[in-house]
PDB file of N, CA and C in Angstrom:
ATOM      1  N   MET A   1      78.639  60.936  70.907  1.00  0.00           N
ATOM      2  CA  MET A   1      77.724  61.187  69.800  1.00  0.00           C
ATOM      3  C   MET A   1      76.294  61.366  70.310  1.00  0.00           C
ATOM      4  N   ARG A   2      75.860  60.571  71.262  1.00  0.00           N
ATOM      5  CA  ARG A   2      74.501  60.685  71.768  1.00  0.00           C
ATOM      6  C   ARG A   2      74.270  62.019  72.462  1.00  0.00           C
ATOM      7  N   GLN A   3      75.262  62.497  73.209  1.00  0.00           N
ATOM      8  CA  GLN A   3      75.106  63.775  73.897  1.00  0.00           C
ATOM      9  C   GLN A   3      75.019  64.920  72.901  1.00  0.00           C
ATOM     10  N   GLY A   4      75.763  64.831  71.819  1.00  0.00           N
ATOM     11  CA  GLY A   4      75.690  65.853  70.777  1.00  0.00           C
ATOM     12  C   GLY A   4      74.319  65.873  70.123  1.00  0.00           C
ATOM     13  N   GLY A   5      73.753  64.687  69.903  1.00  0.00           N
ATOM     14  CA  GLY A   5      72.411  64.599  69.326  1.00  0.00           C
ATOM     15  C   GLY A   5      71.358  65.142  70.270  1.00  0.00           C
ATOM     16  N   ALA A   6      71.540  64.857  71.547  1.00  0.00           N
ATOM     17  CA  ALA A   6      70.584  65.357  72.542  1.00  0.00           C
ATOM     18  C   ALA A   6      70.618  66.879  72.601  1.00  0.00           C
ATOM     19  N   ALA A   7      71.795  67.455  72.491  1.00  0.00           N
ATOM     20  CA  ALA A   7      71.910  68.919  72.506  1.00  0.00           C
ATOM     21  C   ALA A   7      71.227  69.521  71.286  1.00  0.00           C
ATOM     22  N   ARG A   8      71.325  68.841  70.149  1.00  0.00           N
ATOM     23  CA  ARG A   8      70.667  69.330  68.923  1.00  0.00           C
ATOM     24  C   ARG A   8      69.157  69.324  69.064  1.00  0.00           C
ATOM     25  N   VAL A   9      68.615  68.350  69.764  1.00  0.00           N
ATOM     26  CA  VAL A   9      67.169  68.255  69.941  1.00  0.00           C
ATOM     27  C   VAL A   9      66.689  69.239  71.000  1.00  0.00           C
ATOM     28  N   ARG A  10      67.507  69.491  72.003  1.00  0.00           N
ATOM     29  CA  ARG A  10      67.120  70.435  73.055  1.00  0.00           C
ATOM     30  C   ARG A  10      67.018  71.858  72.538  1.00  0.00           C
ATOM     31  N   GLU A  11      67.846  72.209  71.574  1.00  0.00           N
ATOM     32  CA  GLU A  11      67.836  73.574  71.042  1.00  0.00           C
ATOM     33  C   GLU A  11      66.463  73.965  70.494  1.00  0.00           C
ATOM     34  N   PRO A  12      65.859  73.194  69.582  1.00  0.00           N
ATOM     35  CA  PRO A  12      64.528  73.587  69.105  1.00  0.00           C
ATOM     36  C   PRO A  12      63.457  73.491  70.198  1.00  0.00           C
ATOM     37  N   ALA A  13      63.610  72.568  71.125  1.00  0.00           N
ATOM     38  CA  ALA A  13      62.638  72.472  72.220  1.00  0.00           C
ATOM     39  C   ALA A  13      62.648  73.759  73.038  1.00  0.00           C
ATOM     40  N   ASN A  14      63.826  74.294  73.290  1.00  0.00           N
ATOM     41  CA  ASN A  14      63.937  75.561  74.021  1.00  0.00           C
ATOM     42  C   ASN A  14      63.358  76.712  73.209  1.00  0.00           C
ATOM     43  N   GLN A  15      63.538  76.674  71.890  1.00  0.00           N
ATOM     44  CA  GLN A  15      62.992  77.732  71.043  1.00  0.00           C
ATOM     45  C   GLN A  15      61.470  77.676  70.996  1.00  0.00           C
ATOM     46  N   VAL A  16      60.906  76.480  70.973  1.00  0.00           N
ATOM     47  CA  VAL A  16      59.444  76.346  71.008  1.00  0.00           C
ATOM     48  C   VAL A  16      58.914  76.950  72.303  1.00  0.00           C
ATOM     49  N   THR A  17      59.598  76.681  73.400  1.00  0.00           N
ATOM     50  CA  THR A  17      59.199  77.239  74.690  1.00  0.00           C
ATOM     51  C   THR A  17      59.292  78.764  74.674  1.00  0.00           C
ATOM     52  N   ALA A  18      60.330  79.300  74.019  1.00  0.00           N
ATOM     53  CA  ALA A  18      60.479  80.756  73.927  1.00  0.00           C
ATOM     54  C   ALA A  18      59.331  81.375  73.132  1.00  0.00           C
ATOM     55  N   VAL A  19      58.918  80.728  72.048  1.00  0.00           N
ATOM     56  CA  VAL A  19      57.796  81.227  71.249  1.00  0.00           C
ATOM     57  C   VAL A  19      56.512  81.146  72.066  1.00  0.00           C
ATOM     58  N   GLU A  20      56.334  80.044  72.789  1.00  0.00           N
ATOM     59  CA  GLU A  20      55.163  79.888  73.658  1.00  0.00           C
ATOM     60  C   GLU A  20      55.104  81.001  74.697  1.00  0.00           C
ATOM     61  N   ASP A  21      56.246  81.275  75.311  1.00  0.00           N
ATOM     62  CA  ASP A  21      56.302  82.337  76.319  1.00  0.00           C
ATOM     63  C   ASP A  21      55.963  83.692  75.716  1.00  0.00           C
ATOM     64  N   GLY A  22      56.413  83.923  74.486  1.00  0.00           N
ATOM     65  CA  GLY A  22      56.081  85.170  73.803  1.00  0.00           C
ATOM     66  C   GLY A  22      54.591  85.301  73.547  1.00  0.00           C
ATOM     67  N   ARG A  23      53.959  84.180  73.201  1.00  0.00           N
ATOM     68  CA  ARG A  23      52.507  84.195  72.981  1.00  0.00           C
ATOM     69  C   ARG A  23      51.763  84.402  74.298  1.00  0.00           C
ATOM     70  N   LYS A  24      52.266  83.792  75.370  1.00  0.00           N
ATOM     71  CA  LYS A  24      51.628  83.974  76.674  1.00  0.00           C
ATOM     72  C   LYS A  24      51.688  85.432  77.095  1.00  0.00           C
ATOM     73  N   ALA A  25      52.831  86.064  76.863  1.00  0.00           N
ATOM     74  CA  ALA A  25      52.992  87.473  77.228  1.00  0.00           C
ATOM     75  C   ALA A  25      52.045  88.358  76.425  1.00  0.00           C
ATOM     76  N   GLY A  26      51.753  87.954  75.188  1.00  0.00           N
ATOM     77  CA  GLY A  26      50.846  88.721  74.346  1.00  0.00           C
ATOM     78  C   GLY A  26      49.384  88.370  74.566  1.00  0.00           C
ATOM     79  N   GLY A  27      49.126  87.388  75.406  1.00  0.00           N
ATOM     80  CA  GLY A  27      47.751  87.010  75.715  1.00  0.00           C
ATOM     81  C   GLY A  27      47.112  86.099  74.696  1.00  0.00           C
ATOM     82  N   GLY A  28      47.866  85.548  73.777  1.00  0.00           N
ATOM     83  CA  GLY A  28      47.284  84.697  72.741  1.00  0.00           C
ATOM     84  C   GLY A  28      47.695  83.251  72.853  1.00  0.00           C
ATOM     85  N   TRP A  29      47.725  82.722  74.055  1.00  0.00           N
ATOM     86  CA  TRP A  29      48.156  81.350  74.263  1.00  0.00           C
ATOM     87  C   TRP A  29      46.955  80.445  74.488  1.00  0.00           C
ATOM     88  N   HIS A  30      47.078  79.187  74.096  1.00  0.00           N
ATOM     89  CA  HIS A  30      46.051  78.194  74.391  1.00  0.00           C
ATOM     90  C   HIS A  30      46.731  76.849  74.609  1.00  0.00           C
ATOM     91  N   SER A  31      45.999  75.860  75.044  1.00  0.00           N
ATOM     92  CA  SER A  31      46.589  74.585  75.451  1.00  0.00           C
ATOM     93  C   SER A  31      47.273  73.820  74.323  1.00  0.00           C
ATOM     94  N   MET A  32      46.917  74.067  73.104  1.00  0.00           N
ATOM     95  CA  MET A  32      47.517  73.361  71.971  1.00  0.00           C
ATOM     96  C   MET A  32      48.544  74.217  71.224  1.00  0.00           C
ATOM     97  N   ALA A  33      48.953  75.313  71.812  1.00  0.00           N
ATOM     98  CA  ALA A  33      49.864  76.247  71.144  1.00  0.00           C
ATOM     99  C   ALA A  33      51.180  75.593  70.769  1.00  0.00           C
ATOM    100  N   LYS A  34      51.723  74.762  71.647  1.00  0.00           N
ATOM    101  CA  LYS A  34      53.020  74.123  71.367  1.00  0.00           C
ATOM    102  C   LYS A  34      52.954  73.318  70.070  1.00  0.00           C
ATOM    103  N   TYR A  35      51.885  72.572  69.887  1.00  0.00           N
ATOM    104  CA  TYR A  35      51.752  71.741  68.694  1.00  0.00           C
ATOM    105  C   TYR A  35      51.532  72.592  67.447  1.00  0.00           C
ATOM    106  N   GLN A  36      50.863  73.702  67.604  1.00  0.00           N
ATOM    107  CA  GLN A  36      50.648  74.614  66.490  1.00  0.00           C
ATOM    108  C   GLN A  36      51.964  75.270  66.080  1.00  0.00           C
ATOM    109  N   ILE A  37      52.792  75.603  67.046  1.00  0.00           N
ATOM    110  CA  ILE A  37      54.103  76.195  66.764  1.00  0.00           C
ATOM    111  C   ILE A  37      54.967  75.198  66.005  1.00  0.00           C
ATOM    112  N   ILE A  38      55.005  73.962  66.463  1.00  0.00           N
ATOM    113  CA  ILE A  38      55.813  72.934  65.804  1.00  0.00           C
ATOM    114  C   ILE A  38      55.315  72.698  64.384  1.00  0.00           C
ATOM    115  N   SER A  39      54.014  72.629  64.209  1.00  0.00           N
ATOM    116  CA  SER A  39      53.448  72.421  62.880  1.00  0.00           C
ATOM    117  C   SER A  39      53.778  73.575  61.947  1.00  0.00           C
ATOM    118  N   TYR A  40      53.677  74.796  62.449  1.00  0.00           N
ATOM    119  CA  TYR A  40      53.966  75.977  61.646  1.00  0.00           C
ATOM    120  C   TYR A  40      55.424  75.987  61.195  1.00  0.00           C
ATOM    121  N   ALA A  41      56.331  75.582  62.067  1.00  0.00           N
ATOM    122  CA  ALA A  41      57.762  75.639  61.768  1.00  0.00           C
ATOM    123  C   ALA A  41      58.264  74.434  60.986  1.00  0.00           C
ATOM    124  N   ASN A  42      57.488  73.370  60.915  1.00  0.00           N
ATOM    125  CA  ASN A  42      57.917  72.135  60.270  1.00  0.00           C
ATOM    126  C   ASN A  42      58.043  72.318  58.756  1.00  0.00           C
ATOM    127  N   PRO A  43      59.270  72.257  58.215  1.00  0.00           N
ATOM    128  CA  PRO A  43      59.450  72.471  56.775  1.00  0.00           C
ATOM    129  C   PRO A  43      59.034  71.272  55.925  1.00  0.00           C
ATOM    130  N   ALA A  44      58.853  70.112  56.526  1.00  0.00           N
ATOM    131  CA  ALA A  44      58.545  68.902  55.759  1.00  0.00           C
ATOM    132  C   ALA A  44      57.135  68.393  55.993  1.00  0.00           C
ATOM    133  N   LYS A  45      56.251  69.209  56.542  1.00  0.00           N
ATOM    134  CA  LYS A  45      54.940  68.694  56.922  1.00  0.00           C
ATOM    135  C   LYS A  45      54.093  68.231  55.750  1.00  0.00           C
ATOM    136  N   ARG A  46      54.250  68.806  54.605  1.00  0.00           N
ATOM    137  CA  ARG A  46      53.455  68.377  53.446  1.00  0.00           C
ATOM    138  C   ARG A  46      54.311  67.774  52.340  1.00  0.00           C
ATOM    139  N   ALA A  47      55.586  67.636  52.579  1.00  0.00           N
ATOM    140  CA  ALA A  47      56.481  67.071  51.569  1.00  0.00           C
ATOM    141  C   ALA A  47      56.211  65.579  51.414  1.00  0.00           C
ATOM    142  N   ARG A  48      56.144  65.143  50.189  1.00  0.00           N
ATOM    143  CA  ARG A  48      55.891  63.729  49.908  1.00  0.00           C
ATOM    144  C   ARG A  48      57.133  63.073  49.313  1.00  0.00           C
ATOM    145  N   LYS A  49      58.285  63.618  49.654  1.00  0.00           N
ATOM    146  CA  LYS A  49      59.522  63.070  49.110  1.00  0.00           C
ATOM    147  C   LYS A  49      60.551  62.973  50.223  1.00  0.00           C
ATOM    148  N   ALA A  50      61.546  62.170  49.985  1.00  0.00           N
ATOM    149  CA  ALA A  50      62.618  62.016  50.967  1.00  0.00           C
ATOM    150  C   ALA A  50      63.397  63.326  51.070  1.00  0.00           C
ATOM    151  N   ALA A  51      63.797  63.646  52.281  1.00  0.00           N
ATOM    152  CA  ALA A  51      64.543  64.885  52.503  1.00  0.00           C
ATOM    153  C   ALA A  51      65.762  64.591  53.360  1.00  0.00           C
ATOM    154  N   ASP A  52      66.780  65.392  53.176  1.00  0.00           N
ATOM    155  CA  ASP A  52      67.986  65.277  53.982  1.00  0.00           C
ATOM    156  C   ASP A  52      67.683  65.761  55.404  1.00  0.00           C
ATOM    157  N   PHE A  53      67.940  64.915  56.382  1.00  0.00           N
ATOM    158  CA  PHE A  53      67.591  65.245  57.757  1.00  0.00           C
ATOM    159  C   PHE A  53      68.289  66.514  58.230  1.00  0.00           C
ATOM    160  N   ASP A  54      69.575  66.631  57.991  1.00  0.00           N
ATOM    161  CA  ASP A  54      70.328  67.782  58.491  1.00  0.00           C
ATOM    162  C   ASP A  54      69.817  69.099  57.908  1.00  0.00           C
ATOM    163  N   LYS A  55      69.509  69.108  56.619  1.00  0.00           N
ATOM    164  CA  LYS A  55      68.993  70.332  55.982  1.00  0.00           C
ATOM    165  C   LYS A  55      67.597  70.667  56.513  1.00  0.00           C
ATOM    166  N   THR A  56      66.758  69.662  56.635  1.00  0.00           N
ATOM    167  CA  THR A  56      65.400  69.877  57.122  1.00  0.00           C
ATOM    168  C   THR A  56      65.410  70.353  58.566  1.00  0.00           C
ATOM    169  N   PHE A  57      66.253  69.752  59.393  1.00  0.00           N
ATOM    170  CA  PHE A  57      66.341  70.134  60.799  1.00  0.00           C
ATOM    171  C   PHE A  57      66.878  71.554  60.933  1.00  0.00           C
ATOM    172  N   ALA A  58      67.854  71.914  60.086  1.00  0.00           N
ATOM    173  CA  ALA A  58      68.401  73.275  60.107  1.00  0.00           C
ATOM    174  C   ALA A  58      67.331  74.293  59.726  1.00  0.00           C
ATOM    175  N   LYS A  59      66.507  73.956  58.740  1.00  0.00           N
ATOM    176  CA  LYS A  59      65.431  74.854  58.329  1.00  0.00           C
ATOM    177  C   LYS A  59      64.377  74.988  59.425  1.00  0.00           C
ATOM    178  N   PHE A  60      64.100  73.891  60.124  1.00  0.00           N
ATOM    179  CA  PHE A  60      63.158  73.899  61.249  1.00  0.00           C
ATOM    180  C   PHE A  60      63.648  74.850  62.338  1.00  0.00           C
ATOM    181  N   ILE A  61      64.919  74.745  62.682  1.00  0.00           N
ATOM    182  CA  ILE A  61      65.504  75.623  63.693  1.00  0.00           C
ATOM    183  C   ILE A  61      65.466  77.076  63.234  1.00  0.00           C
ATOM    184  N   GLU A  62      65.741  77.308  61.972  1.00  0.00           N
ATOM    185  CA  GLU A  62      65.709  78.669  61.413  1.00  0.00           C
ATOM    186  C   GLU A  62      64.305  79.277  61.536  1.00  0.00           C
ATOM    187  N   ARG A  63      63.302  78.494  61.231  1.00  0.00           N
ATOM    188  CA  ARG A  63      61.918  78.994  61.347  1.00  0.00           C
ATOM    189  C   ARG A  63      61.539  79.271  62.794  1.00  0.00           C
ATOM    190  N   LEU A  64      62.015  78.436  63.702  1.00  0.00           N
ATOM    191  CA  LEU A  64      61.741  78.672  65.122  1.00  0.00           C
ATOM    192  C   LEU A  64      62.412  79.959  65.597  1.00  0.00           C
ATOM    193  N   GLU A  65      63.607  80.238  65.100  1.00  0.00           N
ATOM    194  CA  GLU A  65      64.297  81.480  65.461  1.00  0.00           C
ATOM    195  C   GLU A  65      63.508  82.691  64.971  1.00  0.00           C
ATOM    196  N   GLU A  66      62.956  82.603  63.753  1.00  0.00           N
ATOM    197  CA  GLU A  66      62.129  83.689  63.225  1.00  0.00           C
ATOM    198  C   GLU A  66      60.877  83.881  64.091  1.00  0.00           C
ATOM    199  N   LEU A  67      60.282  82.784  64.504  1.00  0.00           N
ATOM    200  CA  LEU A  67      59.082  82.869  65.335  1.00  0.00           C
ATOM    201  C   LEU A  67      59.385  83.437  66.712  1.00  0.00           C
ATOM    202  N   ALA A  68      60.571  83.151  67.231  1.00  0.00           N
ATOM    203  CA  ALA A  68      60.947  83.688  68.539  1.00  0.00           C
ATOM    204  C   ALA A  68      61.015  85.211  68.488  1.00  0.00           C
ATOM    205  N   GLU A  69      61.385  85.755  67.324  1.00  0.00           N
ATOM    206  CA  GLU A  69      61.446  87.208  67.150  1.00  0.00           C
ATOM    207  C   GLU A  69      60.056  87.819  67.039  1.00  0.00           C
ATOM    208  N   SER A  70      59.133  87.101  66.393  1.00  0.00           N
ATOM    209  CA  SER A  70      57.762  87.606  66.256  1.00  0.00           C
ATOM    210  C   SER A  70      56.775  86.458  66.473  1.00  0.00           C
ATOM    211  N   PRO A  71      56.523  86.115  67.742  1.00  0.00           N
ATOM    212  CA  PRO A  71      55.673  84.963  68.051  1.00  0.00           C
ATOM    213  C   PRO A  71      54.225  85.109  67.597  1.00  0.00           C
ATOM    214  N   ARG A  72      53.776  86.318  67.351  1.00  0.00           N
ATOM    215  CA  ARG A  72      52.400  86.530  66.892  1.00  0.00           C
ATOM    216  C   ARG A  72      52.145  85.904  65.530  1.00  0.00           C
ATOM    217  N   LYS A  73      53.198  85.740  64.760  1.00  0.00           N
ATOM    218  CA  LYS A  73      53.089  85.206  63.410  1.00  0.00           C
ATOM    219  C   LYS A  73      52.514  83.783  63.393  1.00  0.00           C
ATOM    220  N   VAL A  74      52.851  82.983  64.380  1.00  0.00           N
ATOM    221  CA  VAL A  74      52.474  81.574  64.346  1.00  0.00           C
ATOM    222  C   VAL A  74      50.983  81.343  64.501  1.00  0.00           C
ATOM    223  N   LEU A  75      50.359  82.085  65.360  1.00  0.00           N
ATOM    224  CA  LEU A  75      48.943  81.830  65.600  1.00  0.00           C
ATOM    225  C   LEU A  75      48.041  82.781  64.839  1.00  0.00           C
ATOM    226  N   GLY A  76      48.596  83.833  64.329  1.00  0.00           N
ATOM    227  CA  GLY A  76      47.844  84.762  63.521  1.00  0.00           C
ATOM    228  C   GLY A  76      46.470  85.067  64.072  1.00  0.00           C
ATOM    229  N   GLN A  77      45.448  84.781  63.305  1.00  0.00           N
ATOM    230  CA  GLN A  77      44.086  85.098  63.704  1.00  0.00           C
ATOM    231  C   GLN A  77      43.354  83.881  64.261  1.00  0.00           C
ATOM    232  N   LYS A  78      44.056  82.790  64.505  1.00  0.00           N
ATOM    233  CA  LYS A  78      43.407  81.583  64.998  1.00  0.00           C
ATOM    234  C   LYS A  78      43.018  81.701  66.471  1.00  0.00           C
ATOM    235  N   VAL A  79      43.631  82.629  67.190  1.00  0.00           N
ATOM    236  CA  VAL A  79      43.327  82.811  68.597  1.00  0.00           C
ATOM    237  C   VAL A  79      42.895  84.247  68.816  1.00  0.00           C
ATOM    238  N   ALA A  80      41.751  84.410  69.393  1.00  0.00           N
ATOM    239  CA  ALA A  80      41.264  85.766  69.672  1.00  0.00           C
ATOM    240  C   ALA A  80      41.992  86.321  70.885  1.00  0.00           C
ATOM    241  N   ASP A  81      42.471  87.530  70.764  1.00  0.00           N
ATOM    242  CA  ASP A  81      43.125  88.201  71.886  1.00  0.00           C
ATOM    243  C   ASP A  81      42.071  88.912  72.707  1.00  0.00           C
ATOM    244  N   ASP A  82      41.702  88.316  73.825  1.00  0.00           N
ATOM    245  CA  ASP A  82      40.683  88.893  74.696  1.00  0.00           C
ATOM    246  C   ASP A  82      41.331  89.644  75.831  1.00  0.00           C
TER     247      ASP A  82
END
């Protein structure tokens, strides 16, 4: 059971890294990008109610997959492309 849980956590970590790499390739990376990506993808960041962990985690992974396809979406205009 623990190994299965670890694999579930590694999947979004790898996706965050993929989004980061996409931003680096586009020249819009900064030192806090990882935290900005996680915040952007977090479906429960402003929720003030209890949520089902499995549904919330699935939605988090889904958002990370969308960001991996278009990493520019996460940072938008917050980072100037020089």
